[in-house]
Every structure is written in C-alpha cells, then in structure tokens.
Amino acid sequence: MERRTLLKAGLVLGVSLFAKAVGLLPVQAKESTDMKDTFEVIKTEEEWKKLLGEEQFQVLRKAHTEPPFKNKYFDNKAPGTYLCAGCELPLFSSKEKYDSGTGWPSFWKPIADDAVRTKTDYAMIFPRTEVHCRRCGGHQGHLFEDGPPPTGLRYCINSAALKFVPEQS
C-alpha cells in the first residue's frame, strides 16, 4: 500500500473515531426515510424563490446554514409552535425547545413522530443526520445525540427554516 493511501486511511479512521466519541456521527435509529420519496408540496426552484426570501431559500432549498447566535429564534422563549417556513407544517413546539448553547434553536423532539424526515448528509468530513420537513422536503438543520433527557437528541434547526406562531392567551 502506498504511504499516501495509508495516511489518508489513517486520517479518515481517526476523524471517524473522534466523531463517534463526541457523538457527531449520524443518528442511525432516526434515519428511516428515503429522501427520494415524493412530497405533498412540490414546487419548481423558481416558485420557491418567489415564495421564500433569499436566506430562507438558501437554507430550505440549498441546505445552507445560517450563522449561530445571529438568527431570529435561537433565544426565543415565548410559548408557541414552530412551523416549516416553506409549507407551514407544524414541526416543533416551544415545550420541547431548550438552550443548547449552540446559537441555533434546539429541540429534543419534533411535534409529531412523522413531522420530519432524516437522511445522512456527507457534506462535511464525517456524516451527519440531516433533518427535513416531511411535507415539502425543506432542509431544517441536523440531528445529534447530545441532547437532554428524555430522548438524548438535539434537533439543531435553522431559524430561517421556521415560522413561529405564538400561543394564543
């Protein structure tokens, strides 16, 4: 085996072991959906661009990530429901929102078991579990196994992917 190939293999193995040790590998138990499935809400790229603002389009349709601590809902403590900004499907409740210290809205579970879909994202050096709206396929954020009880999960979601509806008093 060439020295270069051996070094690459060692680097990949080292990064993978580190990622597993700190809980950054995908949450395999939650990955149950083939994102090639059809969605209830289907639009062309041009239709999405007209419907969404630029930041929302980049996050929801191009899987970009907004900056931490400089987004609309990371520190929102008001009671209410977080909807998908693309199709308004209820995704998360403020009752399951918590301060993860990451700078993005974080939830320990979705509002319903079938509200979101997941898939493995290989955009970084190590795989991550990507979270999508089940109705329109809009990219919401990522899922990690470093959340609080009772699930131990952290749904790390972009504010630009959400629309917040305050609870009626």
Protein backbone atom coordinates (compact mmCIF):
# COMPACT_ATOMS: atom_id res chain seq x y z
CA MET A 1 0.00 0.00 0.00
CA GLU A 2 1.32 3.46 -0.87
CA ARG A 3 2.29 5.74 2.00
CA ARG A 4 -0.19 8.42 0.82
CA THR A 5 -3.08 5.93 0.75
CA LEU A 6 -2.15 4.67 4.20
CA LEU A 7 -2.02 8.24 5.59
CA LYS A 8 -5.44 9.06 4.07
CA ALA A 9 -6.95 5.89 5.52
CA GLY A 10 -5.49 6.71 8.94
CA LEU A 11 -6.85 10.25 8.81
CA VAL A 12 -10.35 9.09 7.86
CA LEU A 13 -10.30 6.44 10.60
CA GLY A 14 -9.05 8.96 13.18
CA VAL A 15 -11.70 11.53 12.28
CA SER A 16 -14.41 8.85 12.32
CA LEU A 17 -13.35 7.58 15.76
CA PHE A 18 -13.23 11.14 17.10
CA ALA A 19 -16.67 11.93 15.63
CA LYS A 20 -18.13 8.78 17.16
CA ALA A 21 -16.56 9.54 20.54
CA VAL A 22 -18.09 13.03 20.72
CA GLY A 23 -21.48 12.00 19.33
CA LEU A 24 -21.20 13.60 15.90
CA LEU A 25 -22.00 10.55 13.80
CA PRO A 26 -25.47 10.29 12.30
CA VAL A 27 -28.29 9.11 14.48
CA GLN A 28 -28.89 5.84 12.69
CA ALA A 29 -32.00 4.88 14.64
CA LYS A 30 -33.79 8.00 13.39
CA GLU A 31 -32.77 7.63 9.76
CA SER A 32 -35.71 5.85 8.23
CA THR A 33 -36.67 7.86 5.20
CA ASP A 34 -35.55 7.75 1.61
CA MET A 35 -35.46 11.41 0.59
CA LYS A 36 -36.23 10.35 -2.98
CA ASP A 37 -39.83 9.92 -1.83
CA THR A 38 -42.28 12.39 -3.24
CA PHE A 39 -43.53 15.20 -1.09
CA GLU A 40 -47.03 16.62 -0.73
CA VAL A 41 -45.81 20.14 -1.60
CA ILE A 42 -43.78 20.24 -4.81
CA LYS A 43 -42.62 23.48 -6.45
CA THR A 44 -40.07 24.44 -9.06
CA GLU A 45 -36.94 26.28 -7.99
CA GLU A 46 -38.40 29.50 -9.43
CA GLU A 47 -41.64 29.03 -7.46
CA TRP A 48 -39.64 28.52 -4.23
CA LYS A 49 -37.58 31.64 -4.96
CA LYS A 50 -40.76 33.72 -5.34
CA LEU A 51 -42.30 32.29 -2.15
CA LEU A 52 -39.25 32.49 0.12
CA GLY A 53 -36.79 35.24 1.00
CA GLU A 54 -33.18 34.73 -0.14
CA GLU A 55 -31.95 33.41 3.22
CA GLN A 56 -34.95 31.08 3.56
CA PHE A 57 -34.40 29.80 0.01
CA GLN A 58 -30.71 29.12 0.67
CA VAL A 59 -31.45 27.26 3.90
CA LEU A 60 -34.62 25.37 2.92
CA ARG A 61 -33.80 24.51 -0.69
CA LYS A 62 -29.96 24.58 -0.83
CA ALA A 63 -29.23 23.20 2.68
CA HIS A 64 -27.19 26.22 3.79
CA THR A 65 -26.75 27.08 7.46
CA GLU A 66 -27.34 30.49 8.99
CA PRO A 67 -24.83 31.99 11.44
CA PRO A 68 -25.13 30.96 15.10
CA PHE A 69 -26.44 33.49 17.63
CA LYS A 70 -27.44 35.86 14.79
CA ASN A 71 -30.75 34.28 13.88
CA LYS A 72 -34.34 35.01 14.77
CA TYR A 73 -35.33 32.21 17.16
CA PHE A 74 -32.21 30.89 18.93
CA ASP A 75 -33.16 32.73 22.14
CA ASN A 76 -36.95 32.90 21.68
CA LYS A 77 -38.61 31.79 24.91
CA ALA A 78 -42.23 32.59 24.02
CA PRO A 79 -44.72 29.72 24.08
CA GLY A 80 -45.94 28.63 20.68
CA THR A 81 -45.41 26.41 17.65
CA TYR A 82 -42.63 26.41 15.07
CA LEU A 83 -43.84 25.73 11.53
CA CYS A 84 -41.88 24.92 8.37
CA ALA A 85 -41.26 28.28 6.65
CA GLY A 86 -41.81 26.58 3.28
CA CYS A 87 -45.19 24.90 3.78
CA GLU A 88 -46.31 25.83 7.32
CA LEU A 89 -46.43 22.25 8.61
CA PRO A 90 -46.11 22.28 12.42
CA LEU A 91 -42.68 20.82 13.22
CA PHE A 92 -41.69 21.74 16.79
CA SER A 93 -43.30 23.02 19.97
CA SER A 94 -41.76 25.55 22.35
CA LYS A 95 -42.42 22.93 25.06
CA GLU A 96 -39.58 20.80 23.65
CA LYS A 97 -37.24 23.74 22.91
CA TYR A 98 -34.16 24.20 25.08
CA ASP A 99 -30.97 26.27 25.20
CA SER A 100 -28.23 24.04 23.78
CA GLY A 101 -25.66 26.84 23.80
CA THR A 102 -25.04 26.30 20.08
CA GLY A 103 -26.67 29.51 18.82
CA TRP A 104 -29.48 27.79 16.90
CA PRO A 105 -32.96 26.81 18.04
CA SER A 106 -32.70 23.33 19.54
CA PHE A 107 -35.46 20.85 20.33
CA TRP A 108 -35.35 17.43 21.98
CA LYS A 109 -38.16 16.05 19.79
CA PRO A 110 -40.44 17.10 16.92
CA ILE A 111 -44.08 17.98 17.50
CA ALA A 112 -45.14 14.62 15.96
CA ASP A 113 -43.18 11.49 15.09
CA ASP A 114 -43.90 11.94 11.38
CA ALA A 115 -43.34 15.73 11.19
CA VAL A 116 -39.75 15.44 9.95
CA ARG A 117 -37.69 13.10 7.81
CA THR A 118 -33.98 12.43 8.05
CA LYS A 119 -31.14 11.42 5.77
CA THR A 120 -27.38 11.14 6.01
CA ASP A 121 -25.53 14.28 4.93
CA TYR A 122 -21.96 13.73 3.68
CA ALA A 123 -21.14 17.43 3.06
CA MET A 124 -18.62 17.52 5.92
CA ILE A 125 -15.67 15.21 6.62
CA PHE A 126 -17.94 12.97 8.72
CA PRO A 127 -21.57 12.02 8.04
CA ARG A 128 -24.34 13.89 9.85
CA THR A 129 -28.07 13.31 10.10
CA GLU A 130 -29.93 15.98 8.14
CA VAL A 131 -33.49 16.97 9.14
CA HIS A 132 -36.15 17.83 6.53
CA CYS A 133 -39.80 18.78 6.60
CA ARG A 134 -41.79 15.68 5.66
CA ARG A 135 -44.35 17.68 3.63
CA CYS A 136 -42.13 19.86 1.38
CA GLY A 137 -38.66 18.37 1.90
CA GLY A 138 -37.26 21.70 3.13
CA HIS A 139 -33.88 21.41 4.89
CA GLN A 140 -34.35 22.30 8.56
CA GLY A 141 -30.98 21.51 10.15
CA HIS A 142 -29.29 18.49 11.73
CA LEU A 143 -29.91 15.88 14.42
CA PHE A 144 -27.32 14.98 17.06
CA GLU A 145 -27.22 12.57 20.02
CA ASP A 146 -26.09 15.14 22.60
CA GLY A 147 -29.48 16.45 23.73
CA PRO A 148 -31.24 16.36 27.10
CA PRO A 149 -33.43 13.61 28.53
CA PRO A 150 -35.77 12.01 27.86
CA THR A 151 -34.65 11.49 24.22
CA GLY A 152 -30.98 12.47 24.38
CA LEU A 153 -31.48 14.07 20.96
CA ARG A 154 -30.79 17.61 19.72
CA TYR A 155 -32.65 18.81 16.66
CA CYS A 156 -30.43 21.78 15.74
CA ILE A 157 -32.66 23.84 13.44
CA ASN A 158 -32.13 26.99 11.36
CA SER A 159 -34.40 29.92 12.29
CA ALA A 160 -34.70 30.75 8.57
CA ALA A 161 -36.37 27.36 8.07
CA LEU A 162 -39.03 28.15 10.66
CA LYS A 163 -42.07 30.36 11.16
CA PHE A 164 -43.05 30.92 14.79
CA VAL A 165 -46.72 31.14 15.78
CA PRO A 166 -47.17 32.41 19.36
CA GLU A 167 -49.58 30.59 21.63
CA GLN A 168 -52.94 32.37 21.97
CA SER A 169 -53.51 33.63 25.51
